[in-house]
Amino acid sequence: MLPEIECVARDATRPIPDLAERGGFDRVLVDAPCSGLGTLRRNPDARWRVREGDPARLAEVQQAILCNAASVVRPVMTMSAP
């Protein structure tokens, strides 16, 4: 492992203030869950596992994960023009 990289695993569906309090991170990698509906052609049986409200519920989970992950990303420092 590289010393510049810190791997942290958290439930990002919930706020993660302890990481933000430590100063945050330059980058955050999120592996958000997907519906799998894009694979229907290869996996036609998947359509029988998805209920009507599942995509909307999944979208809410994805949004929570992305918002919580974004909350621990450091602001970008911009350089002002001379």
PDB file of N, CA and C in Angstrom:
ATOM      1  N   MET A   1       0.824  -1.170   0.000  1.00  0.00           N
ATOM      2  CA  MET A   1       0.000   0.000   0.000  1.00  0.00           C
ATOM      3  C   MET A   1       0.878   1.246   0.000  1.00  0.00           C
ATOM      4  N   LEU A   2       0.384   2.281  -0.594  1.00  0.00           N
ATOM      5  CA  LEU A   2       1.114   3.541  -0.643  1.00  0.00           C
ATOM      6  C   LEU A   2       0.843   4.344   0.622  1.00  0.00           C
ATOM      7  N   PRO A   3       1.864   4.963   1.204  1.00  0.00           N
ATOM      8  CA  PRO A   3       1.650   5.717   2.445  1.00  0.00           C
ATOM      9  C   PRO A   3       0.768   6.949   2.254  1.00  0.00           C
ATOM     10  N   GLU A   4       0.658   7.462   1.029  1.00  0.00           N
ATOM     11  CA  GLU A   4      -0.166   8.648   0.778  1.00  0.00           C
ATOM     12  C   GLU A   4      -1.649   8.315   0.700  1.00  0.00           C
ATOM     13  N   ILE A   5      -1.970   7.046   0.618  1.00  0.00           N
ATOM     14  CA  ILE A   5      -3.360   6.624   0.455  1.00  0.00           C
ATOM     15  C   ILE A   5      -3.865   6.024   1.757  1.00  0.00           C
ATOM     16  N   GLU A   6      -4.985   6.540   2.214  1.00  0.00           N
ATOM     17  CA  GLU A   6      -5.621   6.006   3.404  1.00  0.00           C
ATOM     18  C   GLU A   6      -6.937   5.375   2.996  1.00  0.00           C
ATOM     19  N   CYS A   7      -7.098   4.100   3.270  1.00  0.00           N
ATOM     20  CA  CYS A   7      -8.343   3.401   2.953  1.00  0.00           C
ATOM     21  C   CYS A   7      -9.221   3.380   4.195  1.00  0.00           C
ATOM     22  N   VAL A   8     -10.448   3.822   4.022  1.00  0.00           N
ATOM     23  CA  VAL A   8     -11.398   3.871   5.127  1.00  0.00           C
ATOM     24  C   VAL A   8     -12.712   3.296   4.638  1.00  0.00           C
ATOM     25  N   ALA A   9     -13.298   2.412   5.404  1.00  0.00           N
ATOM     26  CA  ALA A   9     -14.602   1.847   5.045  1.00  0.00           C
ATOM     27  C   ALA A   9     -15.626   2.325   6.068  1.00  0.00           C
ATOM     28  N   ARG A  10     -16.703   2.913   5.567  1.00  0.00           N
ATOM     29  CA  ARG A  10     -17.772   3.404   6.435  1.00  0.00           C
ATOM     30  C   ARG A  10     -19.116   3.141   5.761  1.00  0.00           C
ATOM     31  N   ASP A  11     -20.172   3.151   6.559  1.00  0.00           N
ATOM     32  CA  ASP A  11     -21.527   3.105   6.025  1.00  0.00           C
ATOM     33  C   ASP A  11     -21.872   4.525   5.606  1.00  0.00           C
ATOM     34  N   ALA A  12     -21.734   4.820   4.341  1.00  0.00           N
ATOM     35  CA  ALA A  12     -21.922   6.186   3.856  1.00  0.00           C
ATOM     36  C   ALA A  12     -23.390   6.546   3.686  1.00  0.00           C
ATOM     37  N   THR A  13     -24.303   5.640   4.023  1.00  0.00           N
ATOM     38  CA  THR A  13     -25.709   6.025   4.007  1.00  0.00           C
ATOM     39  C   THR A  13     -26.027   6.886   5.224  1.00  0.00           C
ATOM     40  N   ARG A  14     -25.096   6.941   6.162  1.00  0.00           N
ATOM     41  CA  ARG A  14     -25.255   7.761   7.368  1.00  0.00           C
ATOM     42  C   ARG A  14     -24.175   8.838   7.371  1.00  0.00           C
ATOM     43  N   PRO A  15     -24.440   9.983   8.009  1.00  0.00           N
ATOM     44  CA  PRO A  15     -23.409  11.025   8.078  1.00  0.00           C
ATOM     45  C   PRO A  15     -22.115  10.470   8.688  1.00  0.00           C
ATOM     46  N   ILE A  16     -20.973  10.971   8.218  1.00  0.00           N
ATOM     47  CA  ILE A  16     -19.673  10.505   8.702  1.00  0.00           C
ATOM     48  C   ILE A  16     -18.837  11.698   9.179  1.00  0.00           C
ATOM     49  N   PRO A  17     -19.316  12.389  10.231  1.00  0.00           N
ATOM     50  CA  PRO A  17     -18.649  13.613  10.673  1.00  0.00           C
ATOM     51  C   PRO A  17     -17.245  13.387  11.215  1.00  0.00           C
ATOM     52  N   ASP A  18     -16.948  12.198  11.733  1.00  0.00           N
ATOM     53  CA  ASP A  18     -15.615  11.968  12.284  1.00  0.00           C
ATOM     54  C   ASP A  18     -14.532  12.116  11.226  1.00  0.00           C
ATOM     55  N   LEU A  19     -14.842  11.770   9.983  1.00  0.00           N
ATOM     56  CA  LEU A  19     -13.855  11.917   8.915  1.00  0.00           C
ATOM     57  C   LEU A  19     -13.710  13.374   8.502  1.00  0.00           C
ATOM     58  N   ALA A  20     -14.799  14.110   8.478  1.00  0.00           N
ATOM     59  CA  ALA A  20     -14.732  15.535   8.136  1.00  0.00           C
ATOM     60  C   ALA A  20     -13.964  16.300   9.205  1.00  0.00           C
ATOM     61  N   GLU A  21     -14.146  15.926  10.462  1.00  0.00           N
ATOM     62  CA  GLU A  21     -13.456  16.600  11.564  1.00  0.00           C
ATOM     63  C   GLU A  21     -11.946  16.386  11.488  1.00  0.00           C
ATOM     64  N   ARG A  22     -11.515  15.307  10.889  1.00  0.00           N
ATOM     65  CA  ARG A  22     -10.073  15.040  10.740  1.00  0.00           C
ATOM     66  C   ARG A  22      -9.466  15.853   9.613  1.00  0.00           C
ATOM     67  N   GLY A  23     -10.258  16.625   8.921  1.00  0.00           N
ATOM     68  CA  GLY A  23      -9.732  17.453   7.851  1.00  0.00           C
ATOM     69  C   GLY A  23     -10.167  17.023   6.477  1.00  0.00           C
ATOM     70  N   GLY A  24     -10.827  15.906   6.375  1.00  0.00           N
ATOM     71  CA  GLY A  24     -11.332  15.449   5.096  1.00  0.00           C
ATOM     72  C   GLY A  24     -10.271  14.823   4.209  1.00  0.00           C
ATOM     73  N   PHE A  25     -10.653  14.596   2.980  1.00  0.00           N
ATOM     74  CA  PHE A  25      -9.799  13.912   2.015  1.00  0.00           C
ATOM     75  C   PHE A  25      -9.754  14.693   0.709  1.00  0.00           C
ATOM     76  N   ASP A  26      -8.682  14.522  -0.041  1.00  0.00           N
ATOM     77  CA  ASP A  26      -8.568  15.147  -1.356  1.00  0.00           C
ATOM     78  C   ASP A  26      -9.525  14.492  -2.357  1.00  0.00           C
ATOM     79  N   ARG A  27      -9.691  13.200  -2.226  1.00  0.00           N
ATOM     80  CA  ARG A  27     -10.560  12.437  -3.135  1.00  0.00           C
ATOM     81  C   ARG A  27     -11.268  11.349  -2.339  1.00  0.00           C
ATOM     82  N   VAL A  28     -12.450  10.987  -2.802  1.00  0.00           N
ATOM     83  CA  VAL A  28     -13.216   9.909  -2.181  1.00  0.00           C
ATOM     84  C   VAL A  28     -13.737   9.012  -3.289  1.00  0.00           C
ATOM     85  N   LEU A  29     -13.536   7.729  -3.147  1.00  0.00           N
ATOM     86  CA  LEU A  29     -14.036   6.751  -4.110  1.00  0.00           C
ATOM     87  C   LEU A  29     -15.281   6.107  -3.521  1.00  0.00           C
ATOM     88  N   VAL A  30     -16.380   6.143  -4.263  1.00  0.00           N
ATOM     89  CA  VAL A  30     -17.646   5.584  -3.804  1.00  0.00           C
ATOM     90  C   VAL A  30     -18.037   4.429  -4.709  1.00  0.00           C
ATOM     91  N   ASP A  31     -18.387   3.318  -4.100  1.00  0.00           N
ATOM     92  CA  ASP A  31     -18.930   2.184  -4.844  1.00  0.00           C
ATOM     93  C   ASP A  31     -20.415   2.111  -4.495  1.00  0.00           C
ATOM     94  N   ALA A  32     -21.203   2.947  -5.165  1.00  0.00           N
ATOM     95  CA  ALA A  32     -22.634   3.027  -4.872  1.00  0.00           C
ATOM     96  C   ALA A  32     -23.362   1.817  -5.460  1.00  0.00           C
ATOM     97  N   PRO A  33     -24.379   1.349  -4.764  1.00  0.00           N
ATOM     98  CA  PRO A  33     -25.129   0.201  -5.283  1.00  0.00           C
ATOM     99  C   PRO A  33     -25.927   0.588  -6.526  1.00  0.00           C
ATOM    100  N   CYS A  34     -26.084  -0.366  -7.417  1.00  0.00           N
ATOM    101  CA  CYS A  34     -26.864  -0.096  -8.630  1.00  0.00           C
ATOM    102  C   CYS A  34     -28.047  -1.061  -8.677  1.00  0.00           C
ATOM    103  N   SER A  35     -28.999  -0.761  -9.538  1.00  0.00           N
ATOM    104  CA  SER A  35     -30.213  -1.571  -9.638  1.00  0.00           C
ATOM    105  C   SER A  35     -29.988  -2.856 -10.417  1.00  0.00           C
ATOM    106  N   GLY A  36     -28.982  -2.857 -11.284  1.00  0.00           N
ATOM    107  CA  GLY A  36     -28.748  -4.019 -12.128  1.00  0.00           C
ATOM    108  C   GLY A  36     -29.666  -4.060 -13.337  1.00  0.00           C
ATOM    109  N   LEU A  37     -30.531  -3.039 -13.498  1.00  0.00           N
ATOM    110  CA  LEU A  37     -31.471  -3.037 -14.617  1.00  0.00           C
ATOM    111  C   LEU A  37     -30.775  -2.880 -15.961  1.00  0.00           C
ATOM    112  N   GLY A  38     -29.563  -2.381 -15.963  1.00  0.00           N
ATOM    113  CA  GLY A  38     -28.826  -2.244 -17.213  1.00  0.00           C
ATOM    114  C   GLY A  38     -28.359  -3.573 -17.774  1.00  0.00           C
ATOM    115  N   THR A  39     -28.515  -4.635 -17.012  1.00  0.00           N
ATOM    116  CA  THR A  39     -28.070  -5.954 -17.467  1.00  0.00           C
ATOM    117  C   THR A  39     -29.232  -6.857 -17.865  1.00  0.00           C
ATOM    118  N   LEU A  40     -30.410  -6.282 -18.056  1.00  0.00           N
ATOM    119  CA  LEU A  40     -31.589  -7.112 -18.355  1.00  0.00           C
ATOM    120  C   LEU A  40     -31.408  -7.967 -19.600  1.00  0.00           C
ATOM    121  N   ARG A  41     -30.697  -7.456 -20.582  1.00  0.00           N
ATOM    122  CA  ARG A  41     -30.513  -8.240 -21.804  1.00  0.00           C
ATOM    123  C   ARG A  41     -29.716  -9.522 -21.520  1.00  0.00           C
ATOM    124  N   ARG A  42     -28.709  -9.403 -20.674  1.00  0.00           N
ATOM    125  CA  ARG A  42     -27.890 -10.578 -20.337  1.00  0.00           C
ATOM    126  C   ARG A  42     -28.494 -11.396 -19.212  1.00  0.00           C
ATOM    127  N   ASN A  43     -29.271 -10.734 -18.333  1.00  0.00           N
ATOM    128  CA  ASN A  43     -29.870 -11.405 -17.174  1.00  0.00           C
ATOM    129  C   ASN A  43     -31.366 -11.114 -17.136  1.00  0.00           C
ATOM    130  N   PRO A  44     -32.145 -11.685 -18.032  1.00  0.00           N
ATOM    131  CA  PRO A  44     -33.566 -11.344 -18.113  1.00  0.00           C
ATOM    132  C   PRO A  44     -34.348 -11.671 -16.845  1.00  0.00           C
ATOM    133  N   ASP A  45     -33.872 -12.597 -16.049  1.00  0.00           N
ATOM    134  CA  ASP A  45     -34.579 -12.940 -14.817  1.00  0.00           C
ATOM    135  C   ASP A  45     -34.488 -11.824 -13.772  1.00  0.00           C
ATOM    136  N   ALA A  46     -33.589 -10.870 -13.959  1.00  0.00           N
ATOM    137  CA  ALA A  46     -33.442  -9.764 -13.006  1.00  0.00           C
ATOM    138  C   ALA A  46     -34.711  -8.932 -12.928  1.00  0.00           C
ATOM    139  N   ARG A  47     -35.477  -8.868 -14.003  1.00  0.00           N
ATOM    140  CA  ARG A  47     -36.702  -8.049 -13.988  1.00  0.00           C
ATOM    141  C   ARG A  47     -37.704  -8.565 -12.976  1.00  0.00           C
ATOM    142  N   TRP A  48     -37.632  -9.831 -12.613  1.00  0.00           N
ATOM    143  CA  TRP A  48     -38.587 -10.394 -11.652  1.00  0.00           C
ATOM    144  C   TRP A  48     -38.148 -10.151 -10.222  1.00  0.00           C
ATOM    145  N   ARG A  49     -36.923  -9.690 -10.029  1.00  0.00           N
ATOM    146  CA  ARG A  49     -36.430  -9.405  -8.668  1.00  0.00           C
ATOM    147  C   ARG A  49     -36.613  -7.946  -8.283  1.00  0.00           C
ATOM    148  N   VAL A  50     -36.936  -7.094  -9.245  1.00  0.00           N
ATOM    149  CA  VAL A  50     -37.078  -5.659  -8.985  1.00  0.00           C
ATOM    150  C   VAL A  50     -38.557  -5.330  -8.856  1.00  0.00           C
ATOM    151  N   ARG A  51     -38.902  -4.692  -7.716  1.00  0.00           N
ATOM    152  CA  ARG A  51     -40.289  -4.273  -7.518  1.00  0.00           C
ATOM    153  C   ARG A  51     -40.462  -2.834  -7.979  1.00  0.00           C
ATOM    154  N   GLU A  52     -41.678  -2.401  -8.106  1.00  0.00           N
ATOM    155  CA  GLU A  52     -42.008  -1.102  -8.678  1.00  0.00           C
ATOM    156  C   GLU A  52     -41.289   0.057  -7.990  1.00  0.00           C
ATOM    157  N   GLY A  53     -41.229   0.097  -6.681  1.00  0.00           N
ATOM    158  CA  GLY A  53     -40.625   1.225  -5.977  1.00  0.00           C
ATOM    159  C   GLY A  53     -39.127   1.109  -5.762  1.00  0.00           C
ATOM    160  N   ASP A  54     -38.525  -0.004  -6.146  1.00  0.00           N
ATOM    161  CA  ASP A  54     -37.096  -0.217  -5.883  1.00  0.00           C
ATOM    162  C   ASP A  54     -36.185   0.839  -6.512  1.00  0.00           C
ATOM    163  N   PRO A  55     -36.361   1.209  -7.788  1.00  0.00           N
ATOM    164  CA  PRO A  55     -35.452   2.212  -8.360  1.00  0.00           C
ATOM    165  C   PRO A  55     -35.496   3.548  -7.616  1.00  0.00           C
ATOM    166  N   ALA A  56     -36.673   3.991  -7.198  1.00  0.00           N
ATOM    167  CA  ALA A  56     -36.787   5.262  -6.465  1.00  0.00           C
ATOM    168  C   ALA A  56     -36.101   5.155  -5.107  1.00  0.00           C
ATOM    169  N   ARG A  57     -36.303   4.043  -4.409  1.00  0.00           N
ATOM    170  CA  ARG A  57     -35.646   3.850  -3.098  1.00  0.00           C
ATOM    171  C   ARG A  57     -34.130   3.785  -3.270  1.00  0.00           C
ATOM    172  N   LEU A  58     -33.685   3.105  -4.300  1.00  0.00           N
ATOM    173  CA  LEU A  58     -32.259   2.989  -4.555  1.00  0.00           C
ATOM    174  C   LEU A  58     -31.662   4.354  -4.882  1.00  0.00           C
ATOM    175  N   ALA A  59     -32.393   5.170  -5.618  1.00  0.00           N
ATOM    176  CA  ALA A  59     -31.912   6.520  -5.947  1.00  0.00           C
ATOM    177  C   ALA A  59     -31.731   7.345  -4.675  1.00  0.00           C
ATOM    178  N   GLU A  60     -32.617   7.186  -3.697  1.00  0.00           N
ATOM    179  CA  GLU A  60     -32.479   7.895  -2.426  1.00  0.00           C
ATOM    180  C   GLU A  60     -31.232   7.436  -1.681  1.00  0.00           C
ATOM    181  N   VAL A  61     -30.980   6.134  -1.687  1.00  0.00           N
ATOM    182  CA  VAL A  61     -29.778   5.591  -1.032  1.00  0.00           C
ATOM    183  C   VAL A  61     -28.529   6.115  -1.729  1.00  0.00           C
ATOM    184  N   GLN A  62     -28.531   6.101  -3.067  1.00  0.00           N
ATOM    185  CA  GLN A  62     -27.378   6.596  -3.821  1.00  0.00           C
ATOM    186  C   GLN A  62     -27.119   8.074  -3.516  1.00  0.00           C
ATOM    187  N   GLN A  63     -28.188   8.863  -3.449  1.00  0.00           N
ATOM    188  CA  GLN A  63     -28.015  10.292  -3.165  1.00  0.00           C
ATOM    189  C   GLN A  63     -27.448  10.508  -1.768  1.00  0.00           C
ATOM    190  N   ALA A  64     -27.922   9.754  -0.786  1.00  0.00           N
ATOM    191  CA  ALA A  64     -27.398   9.877   0.576  1.00  0.00           C
ATOM    192  C   ALA A  64     -25.917   9.528   0.608  1.00  0.00           C
ATOM    193  N   ILE A  65     -25.545   8.465  -0.082  1.00  0.00           N
ATOM    194  CA  ILE A  65     -24.141   8.045  -0.111  1.00  0.00           C
ATOM    195  C   ILE A  65     -23.282   9.130  -0.741  1.00  0.00           C
ATOM    196  N   LEU A  66     -23.710   9.666  -1.881  1.00  0.00           N
ATOM    197  CA  LEU A  66     -22.912  10.690  -2.563  1.00  0.00           C
ATOM    198  C   LEU A  66     -22.816  11.974  -1.740  1.00  0.00           C
ATOM    199  N   CYS A  67     -23.901  12.387  -1.110  1.00  0.00           N
ATOM    200  CA  CYS A  67     -23.869  13.602  -0.278  1.00  0.00           C
ATOM    201  C   CYS A  67     -22.964  13.425   0.932  1.00  0.00           C
ATOM    202  N   ASN A  68     -23.054  12.275   1.588  1.00  0.00           N
ATOM    203  CA  ASN A  68     -22.208  12.032   2.756  1.00  0.00           C
ATOM    204  C   ASN A  68     -20.739  11.903   2.371  1.00  0.00           C
ATOM    205  N   ALA A  69     -20.474  11.281   1.233  1.00  0.00           N
ATOM    206  CA  ALA A  69     -19.082  11.177   0.768  1.00  0.00           C
ATOM    207  C   ALA A  69     -18.548  12.559   0.397  1.00  0.00           C
ATOM    208  N   ALA A  70     -19.374  13.369  -0.250  1.00  0.00           N
ATOM    209  CA  ALA A  70     -18.943  14.716  -0.641  1.00  0.00           C
ATOM    210  C   ALA A  70     -18.639  15.579   0.582  1.00  0.00           C
ATOM    211  N   SER A  71     -19.300  15.301   1.694  1.00  0.00           N
ATOM    212  CA  SER A  71     -19.090  16.115   2.898  1.00  0.00           C
ATOM    213  C   SER A  71     -17.706  15.931   3.508  1.00  0.00           C
ATOM    214  N   VAL A  72     -16.991  14.882   3.108  1.00  0.00           N
ATOM    215  CA  VAL A  72     -15.650  14.662   3.660  1.00  0.00           C
ATOM    216  C   VAL A  72     -14.543  14.976   2.660  1.00  0.00           C
ATOM    217  N   VAL A  73     -14.920  15.574   1.531  1.00  0.00           N
ATOM    218  CA  VAL A  73     -13.917  15.997   0.539  1.00  0.00           C
ATOM    219  C   VAL A  73     -13.496  17.430   0.846  1.00  0.00           C
ATOM    220  N   ARG A  74     -12.186  17.637   0.918  1.00  0.00           N
ATOM    221  CA  ARG A  74     -11.667  18.982   1.176  1.00  0.00           C
ATOM    222  C   ARG A  74     -12.049  19.933   0.050  1.00  0.00           C
ATOM    223  N   PRO A  75     -12.288  21.201   0.368  1.00  0.00           N
ATOM    224  CA  PRO A  75     -12.533  22.173  -0.692  1.00  0.00           C
ATOM    225  C   PRO A  75     -11.296  22.315  -1.576  1.00  0.00           C
ATOM    226  N   VAL A  76     -11.519  22.580  -2.833  1.00  0.00           N
ATOM    227  CA  VAL A  76     -10.412  22.781  -3.774  1.00  0.00           C
ATOM    228  C   VAL A  76      -9.851  24.166  -3.548  1.00  0.00           C
ATOM    229  N   MET A  77      -8.555  24.236  -3.433  1.00  0.00           N
ATOM    230  CA  MET A  77      -7.890  25.525  -3.255  1.00  0.00           C
ATOM    231  C   MET A  77      -7.621  26.104  -4.638  1.00  0.00           C
ATOM    232  N   THR A  78      -8.150  27.275  -4.889  1.00  0.00           N
ATOM    233  CA  THR A  78      -7.922  27.914  -6.181  1.00  0.00           C
ATOM    234  C   THR A  78      -6.881  29.006  -6.022  1.00  0.00           C
ATOM    235  N   MET A  79      -6.110  29.209  -7.046  1.00  0.00           N
ATOM    236  CA  MET A  79      -5.081  30.240  -7.020  1.00  0.00           C
ATOM    237  C   MET A  79      -5.660  31.498  -7.635  1.00  0.00           C
ATOM    238  N   SER A  80      -5.467  32.609  -6.979  1.00  0.00           N
ATOM    239  CA  SER A  80      -5.973  33.861  -7.533  1.00  0.00           C
ATOM    240  C   SER A  80      -4.970  34.408  -8.560  1.00  0.00           C
ATOM    241  N   ALA A  81      -5.514  35.079  -9.528  1.00  0.00           N
ATOM    242  CA  ALA A  81      -4.662  35.657 -10.578  1.00  0.00           C
ATOM    243  C   ALA A  81      -3.875  36.846 -10.030  1.00  0.00           C
ATOM    244  N   PRO A  82      -2.619  37.020 -10.479  1.00  0.00           N
ATOM    245  CA  PRO A  82      -1.827  38.143  -9.938  1.00  0.00           C
ATOM    246  C   PRO A  82      -2.322  39.491 -10.393  1.00  0.00           C
TER     247      PRO A  82
END
